[in-house]
PDB file of all heavy atoms in Angstrom:
ATOM      1  N   MET A   1       3.319  -6.290  -1.603  1.00  0.00           N
ATOM      2  CA  MET A   1       4.443  -5.692  -0.872  1.00  0.00           C
ATOM      3  C   MET A   1       4.014  -5.236   0.523  1.00  0.00           C
ATOM      4  O   MET A   1       4.878  -5.246   1.435  1.00  0.00           O
ATOM      5  CB  MET A   1       4.966  -4.511  -1.708  1.00  0.00           C
ATOM      6  CG  MET A   1       5.706  -4.922  -2.939  1.00  0.00           C
ATOM      7  SD  MET A   1       6.554  -3.585  -3.794  1.00  0.00           S
ATOM      8  CE  MET A   1       5.214  -2.674  -4.540  1.00  0.00           C
ATOM      9  N   ALA A   2       2.741  -4.890   0.674  1.00  0.00           N
ATOM     10  CA  ALA A   2       2.256  -4.416   2.003  1.00  0.00           C
ATOM     11  C   ALA A   2       2.139  -5.704   2.959  1.00  0.00           C
ATOM     12  O   ALA A   2       2.100  -5.483   4.171  1.00  0.00           O
ATOM     13  CB  ALA A   2       0.935  -3.772   1.830  1.00  0.00           C
ATOM     14  N   LEU A   3       2.103  -6.897   2.416  1.00  0.00           N
ATOM     15  CA  LEU A   3       1.945  -8.083   3.243  1.00  0.00           C
ATOM     16  C   LEU A   3       3.046  -8.297   4.207  1.00  0.00           C
ATOM     17  O   LEU A   3       2.824  -8.794   5.376  1.00  0.00           O
ATOM     18  CB  LEU A   3       1.791  -9.355   2.349  1.00  0.00           C
ATOM     19  CG  LEU A   3       0.551  -9.434   1.504  1.00  0.00           C
ATOM     20  CD1 LEU A   3       0.725 -10.659   0.613  1.00  0.00           C
ATOM     21  CD2 LEU A   3      -0.711  -9.529   2.319  1.00  0.00           C
ATOM     22  N   VAL A   4       4.256  -7.918   3.848  1.00  0.00           N
ATOM     23  CA  VAL A   4       5.430  -8.244   4.678  1.00  0.00           C
ATOM     24  C   VAL A   4       6.135  -7.024   5.221  1.00  0.00           C
ATOM     25  O   VAL A   4       7.027  -7.144   6.101  1.00  0.00           O
ATOM     26  CB  VAL A   4       6.456  -9.108   3.851  1.00  0.00           C
ATOM     27  CG1 VAL A   4       5.815 -10.397   3.372  1.00  0.00           C
ATOM     28  CG2 VAL A   4       7.005  -8.297   2.691  1.00  0.00           C
ATOM     29  N   ASN A   5       5.761  -5.839   4.785  1.00  0.00           N
ATOM     30  CA  ASN A   5       6.418  -4.623   5.235  1.00  0.00           C
ATOM     31  C   ASN A   5       6.235  -4.382   6.676  1.00  0.00           C
ATOM     32  O   ASN A   5       5.112  -4.660   7.227  1.00  0.00           O
ATOM     33  CB  ASN A   5       5.983  -3.452   4.416  1.00  0.00           C
ATOM     34  CG  ASN A   5       7.029  -2.334   4.357  1.00  0.00           C
ATOM     35  OD1 ASN A   5       7.244  -1.640   5.315  1.00  0.00           O
ATOM     36  ND2 ASN A   5       7.700  -2.221   3.225  1.00  0.00           N
ATOM     37  N   LYS A   6       7.204  -3.837   7.404  1.00  0.00           N
ATOM     38  CA  LYS A   6       7.105  -3.612   8.832  1.00  0.00           C
ATOM     39  C   LYS A   6       6.995  -2.128   9.155  1.00  0.00           C
ATOM     40  O   LYS A   6       6.856  -1.795  10.298  1.00  0.00           O
ATOM     41  CB  LYS A   6       8.332  -4.211   9.548  1.00  0.00           C
ATOM     42  CG  LYS A   6       8.407  -5.686   9.456  1.00  0.00           C
ATOM     43  CD  LYS A   6       9.628  -6.219  10.154  1.00  0.00           C
ATOM     44  CE  LYS A   6       9.747  -7.789  10.022  1.00  0.00           C
ATOM     45  NZ  LYS A   6      10.970  -8.285  10.667  1.00  0.00           N
ATOM     46  N   ASP A   7       7.152  -1.228   8.182  1.00  0.00           N
ATOM     47  CA  ASP A   7       7.055   0.204   8.352  1.00  0.00           C
ATOM     48  C   ASP A   7       5.607   0.631   8.320  1.00  0.00           C
ATOM     49  O   ASP A   7       4.926   0.463   7.366  1.00  0.00           O
ATOM     50  CB  ASP A   7       7.878   0.886   7.261  1.00  0.00           C
ATOM     51  CG  ASP A   7       8.005   2.375   7.507  1.00  0.00           C
ATOM     52  OD1 ASP A   7       6.978   3.077   7.557  1.00  0.00           O
ATOM     53  OD2 ASP A   7       9.109   2.883   7.638  1.00  0.00           O
ATOM     54  N   LEU A   8       5.147   1.192   9.432  1.00  0.00           N
ATOM     55  CA  LEU A   8       3.765   1.617   9.617  1.00  0.00           C
ATOM     56  C   LEU A   8       3.247   2.459   8.474  1.00  0.00           C
ATOM     57  O   LEU A   8       2.162   2.172   7.850  1.00  0.00           O
ATOM     58  CB  LEU A   8       3.613   2.355  10.985  1.00  0.00           C
ATOM     59  CG  LEU A   8       2.243   2.923  11.287  1.00  0.00           C
ATOM     60  CD1 LEU A   8       1.211   1.840  11.448  1.00  0.00           C
ATOM     61  CD2 LEU A   8       2.322   3.735  12.628  1.00  0.00           C
ATOM     62  N   LYS A   9       3.970   3.470   8.102  1.00  0.00           N
ATOM     63  CA  LYS A   9       3.508   4.387   7.052  1.00  0.00           C
ATOM     64  C   LYS A   9       3.680   3.793   5.665  1.00  0.00           C
ATOM     65  O   LYS A   9       2.816   4.057   4.790  1.00  0.00           O
ATOM     66  CB  LYS A   9       4.290   5.718   7.139  1.00  0.00           C
ATOM     67  CG  LYS A   9       3.897   6.577   8.298  1.00  0.00           C
ATOM     68  CD  LYS A   9       4.695   7.858   8.368  1.00  0.00           C
ATOM     69  CE  LYS A   9       4.465   8.740   7.209  1.00  0.00           C
ATOM     70  NZ  LYS A   9       5.206  10.040   7.250  1.00  0.00           N
ATOM     71  N   ARG A  10       4.664   3.012   5.444  1.00  0.00           N
ATOM     72  CA  ARG A  10       4.865   2.422   4.139  1.00  0.00           C
ATOM     73  C   ARG A  10       3.763   1.386   3.811  1.00  0.00           C
ATOM     74  O   ARG A  10       3.366   1.259   2.635  1.00  0.00           O
ATOM     75  CB  ARG A  10       6.239   1.747   4.001  1.00  0.00           C
ATOM     76  CG  ARG A  10       7.332   2.714   3.806  1.00  0.00           C
ATOM     77  CD  ARG A  10       8.722   2.150   3.806  1.00  0.00           C
ATOM     78  NE  ARG A  10       9.753   3.064   3.719  1.00  0.00           N
ATOM     79  CZ  ARG A  10      10.428   3.344   2.574  1.00  0.00           C
ATOM     80  NH1 ARG A  10      10.189   2.631   1.484  1.00  0.00           N
ATOM     81  NH2 ARG A  10      11.363   4.241   2.547  1.00  0.00           N
ATOM     82  N   ILE A  11       3.282   0.708   4.790  1.00  0.00           N
ATOM     83  CA  ILE A  11       2.153  -0.237   4.550  1.00  0.00           C
ATOM     84  C   ILE A  11       0.950   0.533   4.056  1.00  0.00           C
ATOM     85  O   ILE A  11       0.323   0.096   3.064  1.00  0.00           O
ATOM     86  CB  ILE A  11       1.847  -1.030   5.873  1.00  0.00           C
ATOM     87  CG1 ILE A  11       2.992  -1.985   6.255  1.00  0.00           C
ATOM     88  CG2 ILE A  11       0.515  -1.824   5.750  1.00  0.00           C
ATOM     89  CD1 ILE A  11       2.854  -2.506   7.650  1.00  0.00           C
ATOM     90  N   ILE A  12       0.675   1.636   4.692  1.00  0.00           N
ATOM     91  CA  ILE A  12      -0.460   2.459   4.291  1.00  0.00           C
ATOM     92  C   ILE A  12      -0.196   3.068   2.904  1.00  0.00           C
ATOM     93  O   ILE A  12      -1.098   3.219   2.080  1.00  0.00           O
ATOM     94  CB  ILE A  12      -0.787   3.559   5.314  1.00  0.00           C
ATOM     95  CG1 ILE A  12      -0.959   2.942   6.692  1.00  0.00           C
ATOM     96  CG2 ILE A  12      -2.077   4.294   4.930  1.00  0.00           C
ATOM     97  CD1 ILE A  12      -1.127   3.893   7.831  1.00  0.00           C
ATOM     98  N   ALA A  13       1.051   3.410   2.618  1.00  0.00           N
ATOM     99  CA  ALA A  13       1.356   3.933   1.297  1.00  0.00           C
ATOM    100  C   ALA A  13       1.186   2.871   0.171  1.00  0.00           C
ATOM    101  O   ALA A  13       0.637   3.180  -0.895  1.00  0.00           O
ATOM    102  CB  ALA A  13       2.845   4.386   1.267  1.00  0.00           C
ATOM    103  N   TYR A  14       1.585   1.630   0.459  1.00  0.00           N
ATOM    104  CA  TYR A  14       1.342   0.582  -0.528  1.00  0.00           C
ATOM    105  C   TYR A  14      -0.176   0.360  -0.743  1.00  0.00           C
ATOM    106  O   TYR A  14      -0.597   0.041  -1.799  1.00  0.00           O
ATOM    107  CB  TYR A  14       2.023  -0.714  -0.102  1.00  0.00           C
ATOM    108  CG  TYR A  14       3.502  -0.707  -0.258  1.00  0.00           C
ATOM    109  CD1 TYR A  14       4.365  -1.086   0.752  1.00  0.00           C
ATOM    110  CD2 TYR A  14       4.081  -0.330  -1.487  1.00  0.00           C
ATOM    111  CE1 TYR A  14       5.712  -1.032   0.602  1.00  0.00           C
ATOM    112  CE2 TYR A  14       5.427  -0.352  -1.635  1.00  0.00           C
ATOM    113  CZ  TYR A  14       6.294  -0.670  -0.593  1.00  0.00           C
ATOM    114  OH  TYR A  14       7.636  -0.636  -0.750  1.00  0.00           O
ATOM    115  N   SER A  15      -0.938   0.544   0.354  1.00  0.00           N
ATOM    116  CA  SER A  15      -2.344   0.467   0.279  1.00  0.00           C
ATOM    117  C   SER A  15      -2.914   1.520  -0.691  1.00  0.00           C
ATOM    118  O   SER A  15      -3.770   1.298  -1.508  1.00  0.00           O
ATOM    119  CB  SER A  15      -3.001   0.616   1.623  1.00  0.00           C
ATOM    120  OG  SER A  15      -4.374   0.694   1.581  1.00  0.00           O
ATOM    121  N   THR A  16      -2.374   2.777  -0.578  1.00  0.00           N
ATOM    122  CA  THR A  16      -2.777   3.862  -1.504  1.00  0.00           C
ATOM    123  C   THR A  16      -2.475   3.473  -2.940  1.00  0.00           C
ATOM    124  O   THR A  16      -3.293   3.652  -3.800  1.00  0.00           O
ATOM    125  CB  THR A  16      -2.011   5.131  -1.116  1.00  0.00           C
ATOM    126  OG1 THR A  16      -2.384   5.516   0.264  1.00  0.00           O
ATOM    127  CG2 THR A  16      -2.366   6.226  -2.049  1.00  0.00           C
ATOM    128  N   LEU A  17      -1.273   2.951  -3.118  1.00  0.00           N
ATOM    129  CA  LEU A  17      -0.891   2.497  -4.497  1.00  0.00           C
ATOM    130  C   LEU A  17      -1.825   1.470  -5.022  1.00  0.00           C
ATOM    131  O   LEU A  17      -2.256   1.530  -6.172  1.00  0.00           O
ATOM    132  CB  LEU A  17       0.566   1.976  -4.361  1.00  0.00           C
ATOM    133  CG  LEU A  17       1.360   1.657  -5.649  1.00  0.00           C
ATOM    134  CD1 LEU A  17       1.425   2.933  -6.486  1.00  0.00           C
ATOM    135  CD2 LEU A  17       2.765   1.220  -5.229  1.00  0.00           C
ATOM    136  N   SER A  18      -2.210   0.539  -4.177  1.00  0.00           N
ATOM    137  CA  SER A  18      -3.149  -0.536  -4.572  1.00  0.00           C
ATOM    138  C   SER A  18      -4.528   0.054  -4.905  1.00  0.00           C
ATOM    139  O   SER A  18      -5.110  -0.269  -5.961  1.00  0.00           O
ATOM    140  CB  SER A  18      -3.295  -1.538  -3.432  1.00  0.00           C
ATOM    141  OG  SER A  18      -4.186  -2.584  -3.797  1.00  0.00           O
ATOM    142  N   GLN A  19      -5.002   0.978  -4.099  1.00  0.00           N
ATOM    143  CA  GLN A  19      -6.363   1.591  -4.353  1.00  0.00           C
ATOM    144  C   GLN A  19      -6.368   2.418  -5.567  1.00  0.00           C
ATOM    145  O   GLN A  19      -7.343   2.588  -6.228  1.00  0.00           O
ATOM    146  CB  GLN A  19      -6.794   2.355  -3.112  1.00  0.00           C
ATOM    147  CG  GLN A  19      -6.987   1.474  -1.854  1.00  0.00           C
ATOM    148  CD  GLN A  19      -7.928   0.319  -2.104  1.00  0.00           C
ATOM    149  OE1 GLN A  19      -9.045   0.410  -2.594  1.00  0.00           O
ATOM    150  NE2 GLN A  19      -7.395  -0.916  -1.830  1.00  0.00           N
ATOM    151  N   LEU A  20      -5.209   3.096  -5.868  1.00  0.00           N
ATOM    152  CA  LEU A  20      -5.086   3.885  -7.128  1.00  0.00           C
ATOM    153  C   LEU A  20      -5.252   2.934  -8.279  1.00  0.00           C
ATOM    154  O   LEU A  20      -5.823   3.309  -9.328  1.00  0.00           O
ATOM    155  CB  LEU A  20      -3.749   4.582  -7.160  1.00  0.00           C
ATOM    156  CG  LEU A  20      -3.624   5.785  -6.260  1.00  0.00           C
ATOM    157  CD1 LEU A  20      -2.159   6.192  -6.108  1.00  0.00           C
ATOM    158  CD2 LEU A  20      -4.422   6.943  -6.740  1.00  0.00           C
ATOM    159  N   GLY A  21      -4.768   1.705  -8.162  1.00  0.00           N
ATOM    160  CA  GLY A  21      -4.915   0.682  -9.214  1.00  0.00           C
ATOM    161  C   GLY A  21      -6.396   0.413  -9.434  1.00  0.00           C
ATOM    162  O   GLY A  21      -6.862   0.374 -10.582  1.00  0.00           O
ATOM    163  N   TYR A  22      -7.210   0.283  -8.389  1.00  0.00           N
ATOM    164  CA  TYR A  22      -8.661   0.059  -8.454  1.00  0.00           C
ATOM    165  C   TYR A  22      -9.293   1.251  -9.242  1.00  0.00           C
ATOM    166  O   TYR A  22     -10.115   1.038 -10.127  1.00  0.00           O
ATOM    167  CB  TYR A  22      -9.303   0.008  -7.114  1.00  0.00           C
ATOM    168  CG  TYR A  22      -9.224  -1.399  -6.474  1.00  0.00           C
ATOM    169  CD1 TYR A  22      -8.089  -1.782  -5.756  1.00  0.00           C
ATOM    170  CD2 TYR A  22     -10.281  -2.262  -6.636  1.00  0.00           C
ATOM    171  CE1 TYR A  22      -8.053  -3.057  -5.208  1.00  0.00           C
ATOM    172  CE2 TYR A  22     -10.200  -3.508  -5.973  1.00  0.00           C
ATOM    173  CZ  TYR A  22      -9.155  -3.918  -5.329  1.00  0.00           C
ATOM    174  OH  TYR A  22      -9.073  -5.133  -4.728  1.00  0.00           O
ATOM    175  N   MET A  23      -8.861   2.472  -8.944  1.00  0.00           N
ATOM    176  CA  MET A  23      -9.427   3.615  -9.580  1.00  0.00           C
ATOM    177  C   MET A  23      -9.146   3.642 -11.080  1.00  0.00           C
ATOM    178  O   MET A  23     -10.021   3.959 -11.936  1.00  0.00           O
ATOM    179  CB  MET A  23      -8.911   4.968  -8.974  1.00  0.00           C
ATOM    180  CG  MET A  23      -9.284   5.134  -7.546  1.00  0.00           C
ATOM    181  SD  MET A  23      -8.446   6.614  -6.868  1.00  0.00           S
ATOM    182  CE  MET A  23      -8.314   6.157  -5.111  1.00  0.00           C
ATOM    183  N   PHE A  24      -7.933   3.279 -11.462  1.00  0.00           N
ATOM    184  CA  PHE A  24      -7.568   3.183 -12.868  1.00  0.00           C
ATOM    185  C   PHE A  24      -8.300   2.105 -13.595  1.00  0.00           C
ATOM    186  O   PHE A  24      -8.577   2.182 -14.798  1.00  0.00           O
ATOM    187  CB  PHE A  24      -6.063   3.055 -12.998  1.00  0.00           C
ATOM    188  CG  PHE A  24      -5.293   4.312 -13.000  1.00  0.00           C
ATOM    189  CD1 PHE A  24      -4.303   4.554 -12.065  1.00  0.00           C
ATOM    190  CD2 PHE A  24      -5.490   5.293 -13.973  1.00  0.00           C
ATOM    191  CE1 PHE A  24      -3.618   5.786 -12.011  1.00  0.00           C
ATOM    192  CE2 PHE A  24      -4.821   6.479 -13.945  1.00  0.00           C
ATOM    193  CZ  PHE A  24      -3.862   6.705 -12.924  1.00  0.00           C
TER     194      PHE A  24
END
């Protein structure tokens, strides 16, 4: 979802979501 998003903060938010997946 971060690949195509144009919102600066939302891209970083999706990155957080992705990294939380790594932690789990």
